[in-house]
Amino acid sequence: MAMPDMTAPQGASQSCRLHYFDGSSRQVYWTDEEVSFPEGQLIVSRTDLQGIITHANDAFVLMSGYTREELLGAPHYILRHPEMPAKAFASLWGDAQAKRKWHGYVKNLRKDGSFYWVYATVVPNIRHGEVVGYTSVRRKPSRKRIEEVVALYTTWLAEQGSAA
């Protein structure tokens, strides 16, 4: 499914064209505005093997800024923030496809161009010994760990850029 380009939100400070693993790309826009993770909430989603969203709980809909209808059937990378290095997602997919649980900090891009941080756990859904999809549960992240991971992700992005 080809993702349409984002509409530039008011106050967008940056833009770029993101290229995804499936060969698609889209123009994205973002601001420096962070939306706080809601206290006491968990964001839950499920995807199929290709990362297409098959379930989105109310907290996910709220935080993403998309409607449930826009999320269901869309690739999970609809939330990919340009400041997330490919190396972080390679780790996630490597673990998930090896039937292992993955944990990590992710900066997500909202539909309106703002962002939010999560501490994500991705678990493969296994039926009869076969992975049939993935469940992701996101919780409020530690501010201290976000600061640490931003430094790491900045390094990874620089390495990624020099390898291009």
N, C-alpha and C. Protein backbone atom coordinates (compact mmCIF):
# COMPACT_ATOMS: atom_id res chain seq x y z
N MET A 1 0.85 -1.19 0.00
CA MET A 1 0.00 0.00 0.00
C MET A 1 0.88 1.24 0.00
N ALA A 2 0.79 2.05 -1.01
CA ALA A 2 1.57 3.28 -1.08
C ALA A 2 0.95 4.31 -0.13
N MET A 3 1.82 4.91 0.66
CA MET A 3 1.35 5.93 1.60
C MET A 3 1.33 7.28 0.90
N PRO A 4 0.24 8.04 1.05
CA PRO A 4 0.23 9.38 0.45
C PRO A 4 1.16 10.31 1.21
N ASP A 5 1.64 11.33 0.53
CA ASP A 5 2.45 12.35 1.20
C ASP A 5 1.62 13.01 2.29
N MET A 6 2.31 13.43 3.36
CA MET A 6 1.62 14.16 4.43
C MET A 6 1.25 15.54 3.92
N THR A 7 0.24 16.11 4.49
CA THR A 7 -0.09 17.51 4.25
C THR A 7 0.73 18.31 5.25
N ALA A 8 1.38 19.36 4.78
CA ALA A 8 2.23 20.16 5.67
C ALA A 8 1.38 20.80 6.76
N PRO A 9 1.67 20.47 8.03
CA PRO A 9 0.91 21.08 9.12
C PRO A 9 1.36 22.52 9.33
N GLN A 10 0.48 23.30 9.91
CA GLN A 10 0.84 24.68 10.23
C GLN A 10 2.00 24.66 11.21
N GLY A 11 3.00 25.45 10.94
CA GLY A 11 4.15 25.52 11.84
C GLY A 11 5.19 24.44 11.60
N ALA A 12 5.04 23.67 10.51
CA ALA A 12 6.04 22.63 10.23
C ALA A 12 7.40 23.28 10.07
N SER A 13 8.38 22.73 10.78
CA SER A 13 9.70 23.34 10.73
C SER A 13 10.65 22.58 9.80
N GLN A 14 10.34 21.32 9.51
CA GLN A 14 11.22 20.52 8.67
C GLN A 14 10.40 19.57 7.81
N SER A 15 11.04 19.11 6.72
CA SER A 15 10.39 18.11 5.88
C SER A 15 11.47 17.29 5.19
N CYS A 16 11.09 16.10 4.77
CA CYS A 16 11.98 15.25 3.98
C CYS A 16 11.15 14.16 3.33
N ARG A 17 11.76 13.45 2.42
CA ARG A 17 11.12 12.31 1.81
C ARG A 17 11.68 11.06 2.49
N LEU A 18 10.81 10.28 3.12
CA LEU A 18 11.23 9.04 3.77
C LEU A 18 11.05 7.89 2.78
N HIS A 19 12.03 6.99 2.78
CA HIS A 19 11.99 5.80 1.94
C HIS A 19 11.88 4.59 2.86
N TYR A 20 10.94 3.71 2.56
CA TYR A 20 10.64 2.58 3.42
C TYR A 20 11.14 1.27 2.83
N PHE A 21 11.23 0.26 3.68
CA PHE A 21 11.77 -1.05 3.30
C PHE A 21 11.01 -1.70 2.16
N ASP A 22 9.73 -1.36 1.99
CA ASP A 22 8.92 -2.00 0.95
C ASP A 22 9.04 -1.30 -0.40
N GLY A 23 9.94 -0.30 -0.48
CA GLY A 23 10.15 0.41 -1.74
C GLY A 23 9.32 1.67 -1.89
N SER A 24 8.37 1.89 -0.99
CA SER A 24 7.55 3.09 -1.09
C SER A 24 8.26 4.27 -0.42
N SER A 25 7.74 5.45 -0.65
CA SER A 25 8.27 6.65 -0.01
C SER A 25 7.15 7.66 0.12
N ARG A 26 7.38 8.63 1.00
CA ARG A 26 6.41 9.72 1.11
C ARG A 26 7.07 10.93 1.72
N GLN A 27 6.52 12.09 1.42
CA GLN A 27 6.98 13.34 1.99
C GLN A 27 6.36 13.48 3.38
N VAL A 28 7.21 13.76 4.38
CA VAL A 28 6.72 13.96 5.74
C VAL A 28 7.16 15.33 6.24
N TYR A 29 6.40 15.86 7.17
CA TYR A 29 6.66 17.17 7.77
C TYR A 29 6.59 17.01 9.27
N TRP A 30 7.42 17.76 9.98
CA TRP A 30 7.37 17.67 11.43
C TRP A 30 7.74 18.97 12.09
N THR A 31 7.27 19.07 13.32
CA THR A 31 7.52 20.24 14.16
C THR A 31 8.36 19.78 15.36
N ASP A 32 8.70 20.72 16.18
CA ASP A 32 9.44 20.41 17.41
C ASP A 32 8.50 20.25 18.60
N GLU A 33 7.20 20.16 18.35
CA GLU A 33 6.23 20.07 19.43
C GLU A 33 6.05 18.62 19.88
N GLU A 34 6.30 18.38 21.16
CA GLU A 34 6.13 17.05 21.73
C GLU A 34 4.78 16.95 22.43
N VAL A 35 4.10 15.85 22.22
CA VAL A 35 2.85 15.55 22.90
C VAL A 35 3.20 14.55 24.01
N SER A 36 2.81 14.87 25.22
CA SER A 36 3.13 14.01 26.36
C SER A 36 2.33 12.72 26.32
N PHE A 37 3.00 11.65 26.70
CA PHE A 37 2.35 10.35 26.79
C PHE A 37 1.32 10.43 27.92
N PRO A 38 0.10 9.93 27.70
CA PRO A 38 -0.94 10.03 28.73
C PRO A 38 -0.64 9.15 29.94
N GLU A 39 -0.74 9.73 31.11
CA GLU A 39 -0.49 9.00 32.36
C GLU A 39 -1.43 7.80 32.48
N GLY A 40 -0.87 6.68 32.91
CA GLY A 40 -1.69 5.50 33.20
C GLY A 40 -2.23 4.78 31.98
N GLN A 41 -1.78 5.15 30.78
CA GLN A 41 -2.29 4.52 29.56
C GLN A 41 -1.26 3.58 28.96
N LEU A 42 -1.73 2.63 28.20
CA LEU A 42 -0.88 1.79 27.36
C LEU A 42 -1.37 1.91 25.93
N ILE A 43 -0.46 2.08 25.00
CA ILE A 43 -0.81 2.08 23.59
C ILE A 43 -0.61 0.65 23.09
N VAL A 44 -1.63 0.10 22.47
CA VAL A 44 -1.56 -1.27 21.98
C VAL A 44 -1.96 -1.31 20.51
N SER A 45 -1.17 -2.02 19.73
CA SER A 45 -1.54 -2.27 18.34
C SER A 45 -1.07 -3.67 17.96
N ARG A 46 -1.70 -4.18 16.91
CA ARG A 46 -1.28 -5.45 16.33
C ARG A 46 -1.10 -5.23 14.84
N THR A 47 -0.13 -5.99 14.28
CA THR A 47 0.08 -5.93 12.83
C THR A 47 0.17 -7.35 12.29
N ASP A 48 0.04 -7.44 10.98
CA ASP A 48 0.28 -8.71 10.32
C ASP A 48 1.79 -8.85 10.08
N LEU A 49 2.20 -9.85 9.36
CA LEU A 49 3.62 -10.11 9.13
C LEU A 49 4.32 -9.00 8.35
N GLN A 50 3.57 -8.25 7.55
CA GLN A 50 4.15 -7.17 6.76
C GLN A 50 4.13 -5.82 7.50
N GLY A 51 3.65 -5.81 8.75
CA GLY A 51 3.59 -4.57 9.50
C GLY A 51 2.35 -3.73 9.23
N ILE A 52 1.33 -4.34 8.65
CA ILE A 52 0.07 -3.64 8.40
C ILE A 52 -0.77 -3.69 9.67
N ILE A 53 -1.27 -2.54 10.10
CA ILE A 53 -2.01 -2.44 11.36
C ILE A 53 -3.36 -3.15 11.24
N THR A 54 -3.60 -4.08 12.18
CA THR A 54 -4.86 -4.83 12.21
C THR A 54 -5.69 -4.51 13.46
N HIS A 55 -5.07 -3.87 14.45
CA HIS A 55 -5.77 -3.48 15.68
C HIS A 55 -5.11 -2.23 16.23
N ALA A 56 -5.92 -1.29 16.69
CA ALA A 56 -5.43 -0.06 17.32
C ALA A 56 -6.35 0.26 18.49
N ASN A 57 -5.79 0.30 19.72
CA ASN A 57 -6.64 0.65 20.86
C ASN A 57 -6.88 2.17 20.89
N ASP A 58 -7.76 2.60 21.77
CA ASP A 58 -8.14 4.02 21.83
C ASP A 58 -6.94 4.94 22.11
N ALA A 59 -6.02 4.50 22.98
CA ALA A 59 -4.84 5.32 23.29
C ALA A 59 -3.96 5.50 22.05
N PHE A 60 -3.86 4.46 21.23
CA PHE A 60 -3.09 4.56 19.99
C PHE A 60 -3.73 5.56 19.04
N VAL A 61 -5.02 5.48 18.88
CA VAL A 61 -5.74 6.41 18.01
C VAL A 61 -5.52 7.84 18.51
N LEU A 62 -5.70 8.05 19.80
CA LEU A 62 -5.53 9.39 20.39
C LEU A 62 -4.13 9.93 20.16
N MET A 63 -3.11 9.15 20.50
CA MET A 63 -1.74 9.63 20.41
C MET A 63 -1.26 9.81 18.98
N SER A 64 -1.73 8.99 18.07
CA SER A 64 -1.26 9.08 16.68
C SER A 64 -1.83 10.30 15.95
N GLY A 65 -3.01 10.74 16.37
CA GLY A 65 -3.67 11.84 15.67
C GLY A 65 -4.44 11.38 14.44
N TYR A 66 -4.36 10.10 14.12
CA TYR A 66 -5.12 9.53 13.00
C TYR A 66 -6.43 8.97 13.52
N THR A 67 -7.39 8.79 12.64
CA THR A 67 -8.61 8.09 13.02
C THR A 67 -8.32 6.59 13.00
N ARG A 68 -9.14 5.82 13.66
CA ARG A 68 -8.99 4.37 13.64
C ARG A 68 -9.06 3.86 12.19
N GLU A 69 -9.96 4.44 11.40
CA GLU A 69 -10.12 4.02 10.02
C GLU A 69 -8.86 4.28 9.21
N GLU A 70 -8.15 5.39 9.49
CA GLU A 70 -6.91 5.68 8.79
C GLU A 70 -5.79 4.73 9.21
N LEU A 71 -5.81 4.29 10.46
CA LEU A 71 -4.75 3.40 10.96
C LEU A 71 -4.93 1.96 10.49
N LEU A 72 -6.15 1.44 10.61
CA LEU A 72 -6.38 0.04 10.24
C LEU A 72 -6.13 -0.15 8.74
N GLY A 73 -5.26 -1.10 8.43
CA GLY A 73 -4.90 -1.35 7.04
C GLY A 73 -3.71 -0.55 6.55
N ALA A 74 -3.21 0.37 7.39
CA ALA A 74 -2.04 1.18 7.02
C ALA A 74 -0.78 0.51 7.55
N PRO A 75 0.34 0.74 6.90
CA PRO A 75 1.59 0.21 7.43
C PRO A 75 1.98 0.95 8.71
N HIS A 76 2.54 0.21 9.67
CA HIS A 76 2.90 0.82 10.96
C HIS A 76 3.90 1.95 10.78
N TYR A 77 4.66 1.92 9.69
CA TYR A 77 5.63 2.99 9.47
C TYR A 77 4.98 4.34 9.17
N ILE A 78 3.67 4.39 9.13
CA ILE A 78 2.97 5.68 9.01
C ILE A 78 3.40 6.60 10.15
N LEU A 79 3.87 6.00 11.26
CA LEU A 79 4.29 6.77 12.44
C LEU A 79 5.79 7.03 12.48
N ARG A 80 6.52 6.58 11.49
CA ARG A 80 7.98 6.70 11.54
C ARG A 80 8.42 8.15 11.50
N HIS A 81 9.13 8.55 12.53
CA HIS A 81 9.68 9.90 12.61
C HIS A 81 11.02 9.91 11.88
N PRO A 82 11.32 10.94 11.11
CA PRO A 82 12.59 10.98 10.37
C PRO A 82 13.83 10.94 11.27
N GLU A 83 13.68 11.24 12.54
CA GLU A 83 14.81 11.22 13.46
C GLU A 83 15.00 9.85 14.13
N MET A 84 14.30 8.83 13.61
CA MET A 84 14.50 7.45 14.06
C MET A 84 15.41 6.76 13.06
N PRO A 85 16.57 6.27 13.52
CA PRO A 85 17.49 5.61 12.59
C PRO A 85 17.01 4.23 12.16
N ALA A 86 17.36 3.88 10.93
CA ALA A 86 16.99 2.56 10.38
C ALA A 86 17.54 1.44 11.26
N LYS A 87 18.70 1.66 11.87
CA LYS A 87 19.34 0.64 12.70
C LYS A 87 18.43 0.21 13.86
N ALA A 88 17.67 1.14 14.41
CA ALA A 88 16.75 0.81 15.51
C ALA A 88 15.67 -0.15 15.03
N PHE A 89 15.15 0.09 13.84
CA PHE A 89 14.10 -0.77 13.30
C PHE A 89 14.66 -2.11 12.83
N ALA A 90 15.90 -2.13 12.38
CA ALA A 90 16.54 -3.39 11.99
C ALA A 90 16.63 -4.31 13.21
N SER A 91 16.96 -3.74 14.37
CA SER A 91 17.02 -4.51 15.61
C SER A 91 15.64 -5.06 15.96
N LEU A 92 14.63 -4.22 15.88
CA LEU A 92 13.26 -4.64 16.18
C LEU A 92 12.86 -5.81 15.29
N TRP A 93 13.00 -5.65 13.97
CA TRP A 93 12.55 -6.69 13.04
C TRP A 93 13.38 -7.95 13.16
N GLY A 94 14.67 -7.81 13.43
CA GLY A 94 15.52 -8.98 13.62
C GLY A 94 15.05 -9.83 14.78
N ASP A 95 14.76 -9.18 15.91
CA ASP A 95 14.28 -9.90 17.08
C ASP A 95 12.90 -10.50 16.84
N ALA A 96 11.99 -9.70 16.29
CA ALA A 96 10.62 -10.18 16.09
C ALA A 96 10.58 -11.37 15.14
N GLN A 97 11.34 -11.30 14.06
CA GLN A 97 11.32 -12.41 13.10
C GLN A 97 12.01 -13.65 13.63
N ALA A 98 12.86 -13.47 14.66
CA ALA A 98 13.51 -14.61 15.30
C ALA A 98 12.68 -15.12 16.48
N LYS A 99 11.42 -14.64 16.57
CA LYS A 99 10.47 -15.04 17.61
C LYS A 99 10.92 -14.59 19.00
N ARG A 100 11.64 -13.44 19.05
CA ARG A 100 12.08 -12.88 20.33
C ARG A 100 11.35 -11.57 20.60
N LYS A 101 11.17 -11.28 21.88
CA LYS A 101 10.58 -10.03 22.33
C LYS A 101 11.63 -8.92 22.13
N TRP A 102 11.18 -7.74 21.72
CA TRP A 102 12.05 -6.57 21.54
C TRP A 102 11.57 -5.45 22.43
N HIS A 103 12.50 -4.70 23.02
CA HIS A 103 12.18 -3.51 23.80
C HIS A 103 13.01 -2.36 23.25
N GLY A 104 12.44 -1.18 23.22
CA GLY A 104 13.21 -0.03 22.80
C GLY A 104 12.43 1.26 22.88
N TYR A 105 13.16 2.35 22.73
CA TYR A 105 12.57 3.69 22.75
C TYR A 105 12.36 4.15 21.32
N VAL A 106 11.15 4.66 21.07
CA VAL A 106 10.78 5.06 19.72
C VAL A 106 10.15 6.45 19.75
N LYS A 107 10.62 7.28 18.83
CA LYS A 107 10.03 8.61 18.62
C LYS A 107 9.06 8.47 17.46
N ASN A 108 7.78 8.71 17.72
CA ASN A 108 6.74 8.55 16.72
C ASN A 108 6.27 9.89 16.18
N LEU A 109 5.94 9.91 14.90
CA LEU A 109 5.43 11.09 14.21
C LEU A 109 3.91 11.05 14.18
N ARG A 110 3.29 12.09 14.72
CA ARG A 110 1.83 12.18 14.68
C ARG A 110 1.36 12.74 13.34
N LYS A 111 0.11 12.56 13.05
CA LYS A 111 -0.47 13.05 11.80
C LYS A 111 -0.30 14.56 11.66
N ASP A 112 -0.34 15.29 12.78
CA ASP A 112 -0.23 16.75 12.73
C ASP A 112 1.22 17.25 12.71
N GLY A 113 2.19 16.33 12.65
CA GLY A 113 3.59 16.72 12.57
C GLY A 113 4.30 16.81 13.91
N SER A 114 3.55 16.77 15.00
CA SER A 114 4.18 16.75 16.31
C SER A 114 4.66 15.32 16.58
N PHE A 115 5.26 15.08 17.74
CA PHE A 115 5.81 13.76 18.02
C PHE A 115 5.54 13.34 19.45
N TYR A 116 5.75 12.06 19.71
CA TYR A 116 5.68 11.53 21.07
C TYR A 116 6.64 10.37 21.19
N TRP A 117 7.21 10.23 22.37
CA TRP A 117 8.14 9.14 22.68
C TRP A 117 7.40 8.02 23.39
N VAL A 118 7.83 6.79 23.11
CA VAL A 118 7.28 5.62 23.80
C VAL A 118 8.41 4.67 24.17
N TYR A 119 8.16 3.87 25.19
CA TYR A 119 8.98 2.70 25.46
C TYR A 119 8.16 1.54 24.94
N ALA A 120 8.64 0.89 23.88
CA ALA A 120 7.85 -0.13 23.18
C ALA A 120 8.35 -1.53 23.48
N THR A 121 7.41 -2.44 23.58
CA THR A 121 7.69 -3.86 23.64
C THR A 121 6.95 -4.49 22.47
N VAL A 122 7.68 -5.20 21.62
CA VAL A 122 7.07 -5.87 20.47
C VAL A 122 7.24 -7.37 20.68
N VAL A 123 6.12 -8.08 20.57
CA VAL A 123 6.09 -9.52 20.80
C VAL A 123 5.51 -10.20 19.55
N PRO A 124 6.19 -11.23 19.05
CA PRO A 124 5.60 -11.96 17.93
C PRO A 124 4.40 -12.77 18.40
N ASN A 125 3.34 -12.78 17.61
CA ASN A 125 2.16 -13.61 17.89
C ASN A 125 2.40 -14.95 17.21
N ILE A 126 2.50 -16.01 18.01
CA ILE A 126 2.85 -17.32 17.48
C ILE A 126 1.66 -18.26 17.60
N ARG A 127 1.29 -18.87 16.48
CA ARG A 127 0.21 -19.85 16.43
C ARG A 127 0.77 -21.12 15.80
N HIS A 128 0.65 -22.24 16.51
CA HIS A 128 1.12 -23.53 16.00
C HIS A 128 2.58 -23.45 15.56
N GLY A 129 3.38 -22.71 16.36
CA GLY A 129 4.81 -22.61 16.10
C GLY A 129 5.22 -21.61 15.03
N GLU A 130 4.24 -20.96 14.41
CA GLU A 130 4.53 -20.00 13.34
C GLU A 130 4.15 -18.59 13.77
N VAL A 131 4.98 -17.62 13.40
CA VAL A 131 4.67 -16.21 13.66
C VAL A 131 3.59 -15.78 12.68
N VAL A 132 2.47 -15.25 13.22
CA VAL A 132 1.36 -14.82 12.37
C VAL A 132 1.15 -13.31 12.41
N GLY A 133 1.90 -12.63 13.25
CA GLY A 133 1.78 -11.18 13.36
C GLY A 133 2.55 -10.71 14.59
N TYR A 134 2.34 -9.45 14.95
CA TYR A 134 3.08 -8.86 16.06
C TYR A 134 2.15 -7.99 16.89
N THR A 135 2.40 -7.97 18.19
CA THR A 135 1.69 -7.07 19.10
C THR A 135 2.71 -6.12 19.69
N SER A 136 2.37 -4.85 19.72
CA SER A 136 3.24 -3.84 20.32
C SER A 136 2.48 -3.16 21.44
N VAL A 137 3.13 -3.10 22.59
CA VAL A 137 2.58 -2.40 23.75
C VAL A 137 3.56 -1.28 24.09
N ARG A 138 3.05 -0.05 24.11
CA ARG A 138 3.91 1.09 24.41
C ARG A 138 3.46 1.75 25.70
N ARG A 139 4.46 2.12 26.49
CA ARG A 139 4.18 2.77 27.76
C ARG A 139 4.96 4.07 27.84
N LYS A 140 4.66 4.82 28.89
CA LYS A 140 5.34 6.10 29.09
C LYS A 140 6.83 5.85 29.30
N PRO A 141 7.67 6.55 28.54
CA PRO A 141 9.11 6.33 28.64
C PRO A 141 9.76 7.16 29.75
N SER A 142 10.92 6.72 30.16
CA SER A 142 11.74 7.46 31.13
C SER A 142 12.39 8.64 30.42
N ARG A 143 12.24 9.83 30.96
CA ARG A 143 12.82 11.03 30.37
C ARG A 143 14.35 10.93 30.33
N LYS A 144 14.93 10.36 31.37
CA LYS A 144 16.39 10.19 31.43
C LYS A 144 16.86 9.26 30.30
N ARG A 145 16.15 8.17 30.08
CA ARG A 145 16.53 7.24 29.00
C ARG A 145 16.32 7.85 27.62
N ILE A 146 15.30 8.70 27.48
CA ILE A 146 15.10 9.38 26.19
C ILE A 146 16.33 10.23 25.88
N GLU A 147 16.81 10.98 26.87
CA GLU A 147 17.99 11.82 26.65
C GLU A 147 19.19 10.98 26.22
N GLU A 148 19.36 9.81 26.84
CA GLU A 148 20.46 8.92 26.48
C GLU A 148 20.29 8.37 25.06
N VAL A 149 19.08 7.97 24.72
CA VAL A 149 18.84 7.35 23.42
C VAL A 149 18.91 8.39 22.29
N VAL A 150 18.56 9.63 22.56
CA VAL A 150 18.65 10.68 21.54
C VAL A 150 20.11 10.81 21.09
N ALA A 151 21.04 10.78 22.03
CA ALA A 151 22.46 10.86 21.68
C ALA A 151 22.87 9.67 20.81
N LEU A 152 22.44 8.48 21.18
CA LEU A 152 22.75 7.28 20.41
C LEU A 152 22.12 7.36 19.01
N TYR A 153 20.85 7.73 18.94
CA TYR A 153 20.16 7.80 17.66
C TYR A 153 20.78 8.86 16.75
N THR A 154 21.25 9.96 17.33
CA THR A 154 21.91 11.01 16.54
C THR A 154 23.18 10.44 15.90
N THR A 155 23.94 9.65 16.65
CA THR A 155 25.14 9.00 16.12
C THR A 155 24.76 8.04 15.00
N TRP A 156 23.76 7.21 15.24
CA TRP A 156 23.33 6.25 14.22
C TRP A 156 22.86 6.94 12.96
N LEU A 157 22.12 8.05 13.11
CA LEU A 157 21.65 8.79 11.93
C LEU A 157 22.81 9.37 11.14
N ALA A 158 23.84 9.87 11.84
CA ALA A 158 25.02 10.40 11.16
C ALA A 158 25.73 9.30 10.40
N GLU A 159 25.85 8.11 11.01
CA GLU A 159 26.48 6.96 10.34
C GLU A 159 25.64 6.54 9.13
N GLN A 160 24.34 6.54 9.30
CA GLN A 160 23.41 6.17 8.23
C GLN A 160 23.56 7.14 7.06
N GLY A 161 23.66 8.43 7.38
CA GLY A 161 23.80 9.46 6.34
C GLY A 161 25.10 9.34 5.58
N SER A 162 26.18 9.00 6.29
CA SER A 162 27.48 8.90 5.62
C SER A 162 27.59 7.63 4.78
N ALA A 163 26.73 6.65 5.08
CA ALA A 163 26.74 5.40 4.32
C ALA A 163 25.90 5.49 3.06
N ALA A 164 25.09 6.54 2.97
CA ALA A 164 24.18 6.66 1.82
C ALA A 164 24.89 7.09 0.56
